[in-house]
């Protein structure tokens, strides 16, 4: 008879295989922002300065620890002439981070509930945790490693090892939002009179090197994104709340799960809160910690009217899930178990959709269209840089395009070019369709007069009506690469069949370039 231990080990190995398989097969469909960090890391290695553009002293890479880790990886790969494989190695790194995140937080949960959870509950835990973390991991973002480092810190702190404060401090520079659970953790220890100077000192030691680094190179610790995004997007709190409610649980391409996801997410928050109040939080401090972590980050986003991107979501959905899971294990309330089961079923459909995509049905991947857009950017940027290495290029999405076009990038959304912020926010609906579009202001184009402009219609609604484009030759490139176009039903991105390239008149446009772009 097979023991439960071997069954659990088999489950873990199967999970590791699936996570690795997903990353290997889908790594090309990363988020655009991942390549912003990649470009900064490459520039740091090649120029000695961690700037997006060589002459712009801006803290464009939000998370310093992540950028420095990427710099270390890139410089190591360069020794073996493998630097072009940076996305592949980051994918491998994220595979390991996601896997060990699962194990560390499961261990933390079992430490809190003071027992080994059952095989059924362990399956629910693995499915739910993986489903929540996988999008940001496959998207090559820093969310998995930030949660991993923070979780390691929690394990050490709860084991009465003050060095855990070091990891908690470092996690803040992988994702700035981790300062919220860090403060909550220290507050809990203070209220329980278990806090002493040692973990605080270790925490400061984790923060200090990155603080000094930022002040030395940038003269500030505030990322440019924190300054730019609220200005450019100019969202209402109701729009941020709507995004959080309807998109926090990763979607599935198998069916429309938007409304169901919102219900499950809201019930998750209310259920834990009601149970905590009903039971007066007796011996349930850890549940309250995780619940407070998730709700506090949501509140932080609402207060800041933030544009909540997909890789933000795991930072609050995972702690909320953990609070629900721990509460059930400590109380055995049946309604919580039912919710956990439904929650895991919803997330399992997303994992199944990801599995189908990994087997070659790429359109089943929930982030297929966005990833295809980045692939087109990477391809177009490479071609344009080969043709115009000394030219500057204006756009409002600076990730994939900026990574492959290694020359001067003018960011019309202000993340890498702060002069653009003067022209934001753009008017709705006169200049853009909604507040969530980081469009290109025509007045800014008049001011900087770039050699090249690359964008989708989505971002240039106002620019298309301006006579400045009379000074450019237009080239239309299919929105999808041929390898992705066959998987796209509408063959459009934001309703556009083409990516628009504008080349200033007077610059040569070779027939070879036109033919190549059109063929692609």
Protein backbone atom coordinates (compact mmCIF):
# COMPACT_ATOMS: atom_id res chain seq x y z
CA UNK A 1 0.00 0.00 0.00
CA UNK A 2 1.34 3.42 -0.98
CA UNK A 3 1.88 5.69 2.03
CA UNK A 4 0.39 9.18 2.26
CA UNK A 5 3.93 10.56 2.34
CA UNK A 6 4.73 9.17 -1.10
CA UNK A 7 1.40 10.39 -2.44
CA UNK A 8 2.24 13.90 -1.21
CA UNK A 9 5.75 13.70 -2.69
CA UNK A 10 4.26 12.59 -6.01
CA UNK A 11 1.85 15.52 -5.95
CA UNK A 12 4.72 17.94 -5.36
CA UNK A 13 6.80 16.44 -8.19
CA UNK A 14 3.85 16.57 -10.59
CA UNK A 15 3.30 20.19 -9.65
CA UNK A 16 6.97 21.03 -10.24
CA UNK A 17 6.81 19.38 -13.65
CA UNK A 18 3.67 21.32 -14.62
CA UNK A 19 5.04 24.66 -13.41
CA UNK A 20 8.27 24.06 -15.36
CA UNK A 21 6.33 22.98 -18.45
CA UNK A 22 4.10 26.06 -18.33
CA UNK A 23 7.08 28.40 -18.06
CA UNK A 24 9.08 26.72 -20.83
CA UNK A 25 6.20 26.73 -23.28
CA UNK A 26 4.74 30.16 -22.52
CA UNK A 27 7.76 32.26 -21.56
CA UNK A 28 7.59 34.17 -24.88
CA UNK A 29 4.22 35.61 -23.82
CA UNK A 30 5.64 37.75 -21.02
CA UNK A 31 4.28 41.07 -19.83
CA UNK A 32 5.61 44.16 -21.55
CA UNK A 33 6.83 45.68 -18.27
CA UNK A 34 9.20 42.75 -17.70
CA UNK A 35 11.41 44.05 -20.49
CA UNK A 36 11.67 47.49 -18.87
CA UNK A 37 13.62 45.89 -16.03
CA UNK A 38 15.62 43.83 -18.53
CA UNK A 39 16.72 46.94 -20.43
CA UNK A 40 17.77 48.76 -17.25
CA UNK A 41 19.78 45.73 -16.09
CA UNK A 42 21.48 45.43 -19.48
CA UNK A 43 22.30 49.13 -19.50
CA UNK A 44 23.78 48.85 -16.00
CA UNK A 45 26.11 46.09 -17.18
CA UNK A 46 27.07 47.77 -20.44
CA UNK A 47 27.28 51.43 -19.35
CA UNK A 48 27.81 51.24 -15.59
CA UNK A 49 24.60 53.21 -14.91
CA UNK A 50 21.15 51.74 -14.03
CA UNK A 51 19.20 54.08 -16.28
CA UNK A 52 16.64 53.29 -18.96
CA UNK A 53 18.13 55.92 -21.24
CA UNK A 54 21.80 56.76 -20.77
CA UNK A 55 21.18 60.49 -20.26
CA UNK A 56 18.02 60.30 -18.14
CA UNK A 57 18.66 59.89 -14.41
CA UNK A 58 15.27 58.41 -13.55
CA UNK A 59 14.40 55.48 -11.33
CA UNK A 60 12.46 53.68 -14.05
CA UNK A 61 12.90 50.17 -12.66
CA UNK A 62 10.59 50.31 -9.65
CA UNK A 63 12.13 47.47 -7.67
CA UNK A 64 15.86 47.88 -7.08
CA UNK A 65 16.56 44.40 -5.70
CA UNK A 66 14.94 42.81 -8.76
CA UNK A 67 16.91 45.03 -11.13
CA UNK A 68 20.19 44.19 -9.38
CA UNK A 69 19.41 40.48 -9.50
CA UNK A 70 18.71 40.76 -13.23
CA UNK A 71 21.99 42.66 -13.60
CA UNK A 72 23.83 39.81 -11.90
CA UNK A 73 22.14 37.25 -14.16
CA UNK A 74 22.83 39.28 -17.31
CA UNK A 75 26.49 39.84 -16.47
CA UNK A 76 26.91 36.11 -15.69
CA UNK A 77 25.30 35.15 -19.00
CA UNK A 78 27.53 37.62 -20.81
CA UNK A 79 30.60 35.68 -19.71
CA UNK A 80 29.32 32.75 -21.79
CA UNK A 81 27.87 34.90 -24.60
CA UNK A 82 24.34 33.90 -23.56
CA UNK A 83 23.01 37.35 -22.70
CA UNK A 84 20.33 37.09 -25.40
CA UNK A 85 18.85 34.24 -23.34
CA UNK A 86 18.08 36.49 -20.37
CA UNK A 87 14.27 35.92 -20.63
CA UNK A 88 14.83 32.14 -20.64
CA UNK A 89 16.92 32.24 -17.47
CA UNK A 90 14.47 34.58 -15.75
CA UNK A 91 11.76 32.08 -16.65
CA UNK A 92 13.80 29.32 -14.97
CA UNK A 93 14.30 31.56 -11.94
CA UNK A 94 10.57 32.25 -11.69
CA UNK A 95 9.81 28.55 -12.01
CA UNK A 96 11.95 27.86 -8.95
CA UNK A 97 10.57 30.87 -7.05
CA UNK A 98 6.97 29.82 -7.66
CA UNK A 99 7.66 26.24 -6.65
CA UNK A 100 9.51 27.13 -3.45
CA UNK A 101 6.89 29.76 -2.67
CA UNK A 102 4.34 26.94 -2.56
CA UNK A 103 6.45 24.88 -0.21
CA UNK A 104 7.41 27.74 2.11
CA UNK A 105 3.88 29.05 2.55
CA UNK A 106 2.53 25.53 3.03
CA UNK A 107 5.14 25.00 5.72
CA UNK A 108 4.20 28.33 7.26
CA UNK A 109 0.51 27.37 7.28
CA UNK A 110 1.26 23.99 8.88
CA UNK A 111 3.40 25.76 11.47
CA UNK A 112 0.53 28.11 12.27
CA UNK A 113 -2.16 25.42 12.49
CA UNK A 114 0.30 23.10 14.30
CA UNK A 115 -0.37 20.04 12.15
CA UNK A 116 0.17 18.57 8.70
CA UNK A 117 -2.82 19.39 6.51
CA UNK A 118 -4.67 16.56 4.80
CA UNK A 119 -3.97 15.46 1.24
CA UNK A 120 -7.27 16.97 0.06
CA UNK A 121 -6.55 20.31 1.68
CA UNK A 122 -3.00 20.19 0.38
CA UNK A 123 -4.35 19.72 -3.15
CA UNK A 124 -6.67 22.70 -2.70
CA UNK A 125 -3.73 24.73 -1.42
CA UNK A 126 -1.43 23.84 -4.33
CA UNK A 127 -4.08 24.45 -7.01
CA UNK A 128 -5.21 27.78 -5.57
CA UNK A 129 -1.76 29.14 -4.75
CA UNK A 130 -0.35 28.14 -8.15
CA UNK A 131 -3.34 29.56 -10.00
CA UNK A 132 -2.97 32.91 -8.27
CA UNK A 133 0.81 33.25 -8.66
CA UNK A 134 1.37 31.72 -12.10
CA UNK A 135 0.38 34.67 -14.35
CA UNK A 136 2.98 37.02 -12.85
CA UNK A 137 5.55 34.21 -12.84
CA UNK A 138 5.10 33.23 -16.49
CA UNK A 139 4.96 36.96 -17.26
CA UNK A 140 8.59 37.21 -16.00
CA UNK A 141 7.74 39.68 -13.25
CA UNK A 142 9.22 39.98 -9.76
CA UNK A 143 6.08 39.09 -7.77
CA UNK A 144 7.08 35.42 -7.09
CA UNK A 145 10.51 36.26 -5.67
CA UNK A 146 9.12 39.08 -3.53
CA UNK A 147 6.61 36.69 -1.93
CA UNK A 148 9.27 33.99 -1.60
CA UNK A 149 11.75 36.25 0.22
CA UNK A 150 9.01 37.64 2.47
CA UNK A 151 7.73 34.14 3.25
CA UNK A 152 11.23 33.02 4.18
CA UNK A 153 11.45 35.99 6.53
CA UNK A 154 8.15 35.04 8.17
CA UNK A 155 9.29 31.44 8.67
CA UNK A 156 12.45 32.62 10.41
CA UNK A 157 10.70 35.26 12.54
CA UNK A 158 8.08 32.75 13.74
CA UNK A 159 10.95 30.39 14.59
CA UNK A 160 12.40 33.07 16.90
CA UNK A 161 15.26 33.80 14.48
CA UNK A 162 15.72 37.59 14.20
CA UNK A 163 17.60 37.26 10.89
CA UNK A 164 14.16 36.84 9.32
CA UNK A 165 13.91 40.62 9.52
CA UNK A 166 16.69 40.81 6.92
CA UNK A 167 14.62 38.92 4.35
CA UNK A 168 11.51 40.95 5.13
CA UNK A 169 13.53 44.13 4.57
CA UNK A 170 14.94 42.85 1.27
CA UNK A 171 11.46 41.81 0.03
CA UNK A 172 10.40 45.47 0.09
CA UNK A 173 12.92 46.20 -2.67
CA UNK A 174 11.57 43.36 -4.78
CA UNK A 175 8.03 44.78 -4.56
CA UNK A 176 7.45 48.06 -2.79
CA UNK A 177 4.00 46.93 -1.58
CA UNK A 178 5.68 44.44 0.75
CA UNK A 179 6.31 47.33 3.13
CA UNK A 180 2.64 46.96 4.12
CA UNK A 181 2.78 43.36 5.43
CA UNK A 182 6.22 44.14 6.90
CA UNK A 183 4.73 46.93 9.00
CA UNK A 184 1.76 44.77 9.97
CA UNK A 185 4.08 41.92 11.02
CA UNK A 186 6.16 44.19 13.25
CA UNK A 187 2.97 45.75 14.66
CA UNK A 188 1.65 42.31 15.59
CA UNK A 189 4.90 41.43 17.32
CA UNK A 190 4.80 44.76 19.16
CA UNK A 191 1.22 44.22 20.38
CA UNK A 192 2.10 40.72 21.56
CA UNK A 193 5.18 42.16 23.30
CA UNK A 194 7.42 39.81 21.32
CA UNK A 195 9.29 42.48 19.38
CA UNK A 196 12.88 43.32 20.23
CA UNK A 197 15.55 45.34 18.55
CA UNK A 198 17.23 42.42 16.74
CA UNK A 199 14.64 41.75 13.95
CA UNK A 200 14.23 45.50 13.50
CA UNK A 201 18.00 45.90 13.10
CA UNK A 202 18.09 43.03 10.62
CA UNK A 203 15.19 44.60 8.74
CA UNK A 204 17.03 47.91 8.47
CA UNK A 205 20.12 46.04 7.25
CA UNK A 206 17.98 44.52 4.50
CA UNK A 207 16.68 47.92 3.40
CA UNK A 208 19.80 50.09 3.83
CA UNK A 209 22.00 48.87 0.92
CA UNK A 210 19.20 49.44 -1.60
CA UNK A 211 18.32 52.78 -0.04
CA UNK A 212 21.92 53.94 -0.41
CA UNK A 213 22.06 52.60 -3.97
CA UNK A 214 18.93 54.54 -4.99
CA UNK A 215 20.10 57.77 -3.40
CA UNK A 216 23.53 57.45 -5.01
CA UNK A 217 22.33 56.77 -8.57
CA UNK A 218 18.94 58.52 -8.63
CA UNK A 219 18.97 61.04 -5.78
CA UNK A 220 15.59 59.69 -4.67
CA UNK A 221 13.97 56.51 -3.37
CA UNK A 222 10.67 57.21 -5.15
CA UNK A 223 10.22 55.28 -8.43
CA UNK A 224 9.18 57.32 -11.45
CA UNK A 225 6.17 55.03 -11.91
CA UNK A 226 4.68 56.23 -8.62
CA UNK A 227 4.92 59.79 -9.93
CA UNK A 228 3.86 59.13 -13.53
CA UNK A 229 1.05 56.57 -13.39
CA UNK A 230 -1.42 58.57 -11.26
CA UNK A 231 -0.93 61.56 -13.58
CA UNK A 232 -1.19 59.66 -16.86
CA UNK A 233 -4.07 57.34 -16.04
CA UNK A 234 -6.04 59.76 -13.81
CA UNK A 235 -8.38 56.98 -12.69
CA UNK A 236 -11.36 57.29 -10.41
CA UNK A 237 -11.42 55.10 -7.30
CA UNK A 238 -14.51 53.37 -8.68
CA UNK A 239 -12.44 52.27 -11.70
CA UNK A 240 -9.68 50.89 -9.47
CA UNK A 241 -12.30 49.10 -7.35
CA UNK A 242 -13.96 47.64 -10.45
CA UNK A 243 -10.60 46.30 -11.67
CA UNK A 244 -9.89 44.71 -8.29
CA UNK A 245 -13.34 43.11 -8.02
CA UNK A 246 -13.60 41.72 -11.54
CA UNK A 247 -10.03 40.78 -12.48
CA UNK A 248 -8.28 39.74 -9.25
CA UNK A 249 -8.81 36.04 -9.88
CA UNK A 250 -6.90 35.04 -13.05
CA UNK A 251 -9.33 34.58 -15.95
CA UNK A 252 -9.87 31.49 -18.06
CA UNK A 253 -10.46 31.34 -21.79
CA UNK A 254 -12.76 28.34 -21.33
CA UNK A 255 -15.74 30.49 -20.29
CA UNK A 256 -16.60 34.01 -19.16
CA UNK A 257 -15.83 33.95 -15.45
CA UNK A 258 -15.81 37.70 -14.72
CA UNK A 259 -18.99 37.92 -12.64
CA UNK A 260 -18.30 34.63 -10.87
CA UNK A 261 -14.77 35.74 -10.01
CA UNK A 262 -16.10 38.95 -8.47
CA UNK A 263 -18.55 37.04 -6.29
CA UNK A 264 -15.91 34.55 -5.14
CA UNK A 265 -13.44 37.34 -4.39
CA UNK A 266 -15.91 39.47 -2.39
CA UNK A 267 -17.18 36.46 -0.45
CA UNK A 268 -13.57 35.55 0.38
CA UNK A 269 -13.01 38.92 2.07
CA UNK A 270 -16.37 39.07 3.85
CA UNK A 271 -16.35 35.44 5.00
CA UNK A 272 -13.00 35.71 6.77
CA UNK A 273 -13.86 39.08 8.31
CA UNK A 274 -17.25 37.91 9.59
CA UNK A 275 -15.79 34.75 11.10
CA UNK A 276 -12.99 36.67 12.79
CA UNK A 277 -15.44 39.13 14.33
CA UNK A 278 -17.87 36.38 15.33
CA UNK A 279 -15.16 34.47 17.14
CA UNK A 280 -13.55 37.62 18.52
CA UNK A 281 -10.19 36.63 17.00
CA UNK A 282 -9.34 34.23 19.84
CA UNK A 283 -6.02 32.56 18.88
CA UNK A 284 -6.58 33.65 15.29
CA UNK A 285 -3.92 36.39 15.07
CA UNK A 286 -2.21 34.79 12.07
CA UNK A 287 -5.47 34.70 10.14
CA UNK A 288 -6.01 38.36 10.93
CA UNK A 289 -2.43 39.13 9.83
CA UNK A 290 -2.89 37.63 6.36
CA UNK A 291 -6.38 39.11 5.98
CA UNK A 292 -5.07 42.52 7.05
CA UNK A 293 -2.17 42.18 4.60
CA UNK A 294 -4.50 41.59 1.64
CA UNK A 295 -7.10 44.19 2.58
CA UNK A 296 -4.42 46.81 3.37
CA UNK A 297 -2.82 46.45 -0.07
CA UNK A 298 -6.25 46.75 -1.70
CA UNK A 299 -6.86 49.89 0.38
CA UNK A 300 -3.45 51.23 -0.66
CA UNK A 301 -4.38 50.81 -4.33
CA UNK A 302 -7.80 52.41 -3.81
CA UNK A 303 -6.41 55.42 -1.95
CA UNK A 304 -3.80 55.91 -4.68
CA UNK A 305 -6.35 55.30 -7.47
CA UNK A 306 -3.84 52.86 -8.91
CA UNK A 307 -3.99 51.10 -12.25
CA UNK A 308 -3.89 47.52 -10.94
CA UNK A 309 -1.90 45.40 -13.39
CA UNK A 310 -2.08 41.61 -13.50
CA UNK A 311 1.20 41.07 -11.66
CA UNK A 312 -0.04 43.17 -8.72
CA UNK A 313 -2.94 40.85 -7.98
CA UNK A 314 -1.12 37.98 -6.27
CA UNK A 315 0.21 40.45 -3.70
CA UNK A 316 -3.24 40.67 -2.12
CA UNK A 317 -5.13 37.60 -3.38
CA UNK A 318 -2.59 35.13 -1.97
CA UNK A 319 -2.66 36.51 1.61
CA UNK A 320 -6.47 36.62 1.49
CA UNK A 321 -6.52 32.98 0.37
CA UNK A 322 -4.06 32.06 3.13
CA UNK A 323 -6.27 33.74 5.74
CA UNK A 324 -9.24 31.68 4.57
CA UNK A 325 -7.21 28.47 4.48
CA UNK A 326 -5.75 28.95 7.97
CA UNK A 327 -9.16 29.89 9.38
CA UNK A 328 -10.68 26.67 8.12
CA UNK A 329 -7.84 24.56 9.50
CA UNK A 330 -8.19 26.22 12.92
CA UNK A 331 -12.01 26.21 13.08
CA UNK A 332 -13.28 23.57 10.58
CA UNK A 333 -16.23 25.79 9.61
CA UNK A 334 -17.94 23.99 6.72
CA UNK A 335 -18.93 27.11 4.76
CA UNK A 336 -15.27 28.08 4.57
CA UNK A 337 -14.35 24.64 3.24
CA UNK A 338 -17.06 24.93 0.59
CA UNK A 339 -15.69 28.31 -0.43
CA UNK A 340 -12.15 26.94 -0.62
CA UNK A 341 -13.33 24.08 -2.84
CA UNK A 342 -15.21 26.44 -5.18
CA UNK A 343 -12.21 28.78 -5.18
CA UNK A 344 -9.84 25.97 -6.18
CA UNK A 345 -12.25 24.73 -8.88
CA UNK A 346 -12.37 28.19 -10.46
CA UNK A 347 -8.59 28.45 -10.42
CA UNK A 348 -8.19 24.89 -11.72
CA UNK A 349 -10.09 25.89 -14.88
CA UNK A 350 -7.50 28.60 -15.41
CA UNK A 351 -4.70 26.08 -14.91
CA UNK A 352 -6.37 23.72 -17.37
CA UNK A 353 -6.62 26.55 -19.88
CA UNK A 354 -2.89 27.22 -19.33
CA UNK A 355 -2.16 23.52 -19.85
CA UNK A 356 -4.01 23.54 -23.18
CA UNK A 357 -2.00 26.60 -24.22
CA UNK A 358 1.23 24.87 -23.23
CA UNK A 359 0.29 21.92 -25.43
CA UNK A 360 0.15 24.18 -28.48
CA UNK A 361 -3.30 25.79 -28.26
CA UNK A 362 -1.79 29.17 -27.46
CA UNK A 363 -5.06 31.05 -27.87
CA UNK A 364 -6.23 29.32 -24.67
CA UNK A 365 -3.68 31.24 -22.63
CA UNK A 366 -5.49 34.07 -20.87
CA UNK A 367 -2.66 36.50 -21.63
CA UNK A 368 -2.05 35.34 -25.20
CA UNK A 369 -3.05 38.61 -26.89
CA UNK A 370 -0.93 40.75 -24.57
CA UNK A 371 2.04 38.42 -24.96
CA UNK A 372 1.65 38.41 -28.74
CA UNK A 373 1.72 42.20 -28.68
CA UNK A 374 5.06 42.11 -26.85
CA UNK A 375 6.48 39.61 -29.34
CA UNK A 376 5.56 41.97 -32.19
CA UNK A 377 7.19 44.86 -30.34
CA UNK A 378 10.39 42.86 -29.86
CA UNK A 379 10.51 41.95 -33.53
CA UNK A 380 9.76 45.44 -34.83
CA UNK A 381 12.20 47.10 -32.42
CA UNK A 382 15.01 44.82 -33.55
CA UNK A 383 14.38 45.63 -37.21
CA UNK A 384 14.14 49.38 -36.61
CA UNK A 385 17.32 49.46 -34.54
CA UNK A 386 19.22 47.67 -37.31
CA UNK A 387 17.97 50.28 -39.79
CA UNK A 388 18.07 53.41 -37.59
CA UNK A 389 20.63 52.85 -34.79
CA UNK A 390 21.24 56.58 -34.25
CA UNK A 391 17.59 57.66 -34.27
CA UNK A 392 15.23 58.23 -31.37
CA UNK A 393 11.91 56.40 -31.11
CA UNK A 394 8.75 57.64 -29.41
CA UNK A 395 6.15 55.25 -28.00
CA UNK A 396 4.00 54.80 -24.91
CA UNK A 397 4.78 51.13 -24.22
CA UNK A 398 8.49 50.94 -23.55
CA UNK A 399 9.05 47.30 -22.55
CA UNK A 400 9.51 44.91 -25.47
CA UNK A 401 10.02 47.70 -27.98
CA UNK A 402 12.60 49.42 -25.78
CA UNK A 403 14.47 46.20 -25.11
CA UNK A 404 15.03 45.36 -28.78
CA UNK A 405 15.43 48.96 -29.97
CA UNK A 406 18.58 49.76 -28.01
CA UNK A 407 18.75 53.43 -28.98
CA UNK A 408 17.06 56.46 -27.39
CA UNK A 409 13.46 55.80 -26.36
CA UNK A 410 11.13 58.76 -25.77
CA UNK A 411 8.36 57.61 -23.45
CA UNK A 412 5.17 59.55 -24.15
CA UNK A 413 3.60 58.08 -20.99
CA UNK A 414 6.26 59.69 -18.78
CA UNK A 415 7.70 56.60 -17.12
CA UNK A 416 11.12 57.01 -18.74
CA UNK A 417 10.76 60.60 -19.98
CA UNK A 418 9.52 62.91 -17.25
CA UNK A 419 9.07 65.86 -19.63
CA UNK A 420 6.02 64.10 -21.07
CA UNK A 421 4.06 64.44 -17.81
CA UNK A 422 3.41 68.13 -18.51
CA UNK A 423 1.06 67.03 -21.30
CA UNK A 424 -0.95 64.61 -19.14
CA UNK A 425 -3.60 63.69 -18.27
CA UNK A 426 -5.17 63.64 -21.72
CA UNK A 427 -8.82 64.57 -21.98
CA UNK A 428 -11.58 61.95 -22.12
CA UNK A 429 -13.19 61.45 -24.60
CA UNK A 430 -11.68 64.24 -26.70
CA UNK A 431 -8.14 62.81 -26.78
CA UNK A 432 -8.54 59.21 -25.57
CA UNK A 433 -11.38 56.76 -25.07
CA UNK A 434 -10.85 56.18 -21.35
CA UNK A 435 -8.68 57.14 -18.37
CA UNK A 436 -6.97 53.74 -18.51
CA UNK A 437 -5.17 54.53 -21.79
CA UNK A 438 -1.65 55.97 -21.56
CA UNK A 439 -1.95 57.83 -24.85
CA UNK A 440 0.53 59.90 -26.85
CA UNK A 441 -0.15 63.67 -26.54
CA UNK A 442 0.19 65.43 -29.91
CA UNK A 443 1.69 68.55 -28.26
CA UNK A 444 4.50 66.42 -26.85
CA UNK A 445 5.23 65.01 -30.32
CA UNK A 446 5.39 68.58 -31.66
CA UNK A 447 7.89 69.44 -28.94
CA UNK A 448 10.31 66.51 -29.26
CA UNK A 449 9.91 65.78 -33.00
CA UNK A 450 11.10 62.14 -32.82
CA UNK A 451 12.63 60.32 -35.75
CA UNK A 452 10.36 57.31 -35.26
CA UNK A 453 6.93 56.76 -33.71
CA UNK A 454 5.57 53.28 -33.02
CA UNK A 455 2.11 52.68 -31.62
CA UNK A 456 -1.29 51.10 -31.94
CA UNK A 457 -4.34 53.27 -32.72
CA UNK A 458 -5.35 52.63 -29.11
CA UNK A 459 -2.71 55.11 -27.95
CA UNK A 460 -2.79 57.68 -30.78
CA UNK A 461 -6.46 58.62 -31.13
CA UNK A 462 -5.61 62.31 -30.76
CA UNK A 463 -2.37 62.08 -32.74
CA UNK A 464 -4.18 60.64 -35.77
CA UNK A 465 -6.14 63.90 -35.99
CA UNK A 466 -3.03 66.08 -35.82
CA UNK A 467 -1.13 67.43 -38.84
CA UNK A 468 2.25 66.49 -37.28
CA UNK A 469 1.88 63.07 -38.88
CA UNK A 470 2.12 64.75 -42.31
CA UNK A 471 5.85 64.95 -41.59
CA UNK A 472 6.13 61.16 -41.39
CA UNK A 473 5.88 58.19 -43.70
CA UNK A 474 3.56 55.49 -42.38
CA UNK A 475 4.27 51.77 -42.38
CA UNK A 476 1.64 49.28 -41.23
CA UNK A 477 2.75 46.01 -39.66
CA UNK A 478 0.32 43.16 -38.81
CA UNK A 479 -0.53 43.24 -35.10
CA UNK A 480 0.39 39.56 -34.76
CA UNK A 481 3.45 37.69 -35.93
CA UNK A 482 2.59 34.87 -38.37
CA UNK A 483 3.21 32.25 -35.66
CA UNK A 484 0.55 33.89 -33.47
CA UNK A 485 -1.84 35.20 -36.09
CA UNK A 486 -3.24 31.75 -36.83
CA UNK A 487 -4.29 31.41 -33.19
CA UNK A 488 -6.06 34.77 -33.09
CA UNK A 489 -9.72 34.80 -34.00
CA UNK A 490 -10.11 38.53 -34.66
CA UNK A 491 -6.46 39.13 -35.57
CA UNK A 492 -6.72 42.46 -33.81
CA UNK A 493 -5.19 44.05 -30.72
CA UNK A 494 -7.42 46.70 -29.14
CA UNK A 495 -9.44 46.57 -32.35
CA UNK A 496 -6.43 47.25 -34.58
CA UNK A 497 -5.16 44.87 -37.23
CA UNK A 498 -1.89 46.77 -37.53
CA UNK A 499 0.91 48.27 -35.50
CA UNK A 500 1.67 51.70 -36.94
CA UNK A 501 5.25 52.85 -37.60
CA UNK A 502 5.96 56.46 -38.52
CA UNK A 503 9.34 57.38 -40.01
CA UNK A 504 10.26 61.04 -40.28
CA UNK A 505 10.39 62.12 -43.93
CA UNK A 506 13.98 62.57 -45.00
CA UNK A 507 15.13 59.39 -43.31
CA UNK A 508 15.79 56.58 -45.79
CA UNK A 509 13.30 53.72 -45.96
CA UNK A 510 14.84 50.80 -47.77
CA UNK A 511 12.71 48.50 -49.88
CA UNK A 512 14.26 45.63 -47.97
CA UNK A 513 12.94 47.06 -44.69
CA UNK A 514 9.43 47.58 -46.07
CA UNK A 515 9.30 44.10 -47.54
CA UNK A 516 10.62 42.52 -44.35
CA UNK A 517 8.15 44.31 -42.12
CA UNK A 518 5.25 43.46 -44.40
CA UNK A 519 6.33 39.83 -44.63
CA UNK A 520 6.52 39.60 -40.86
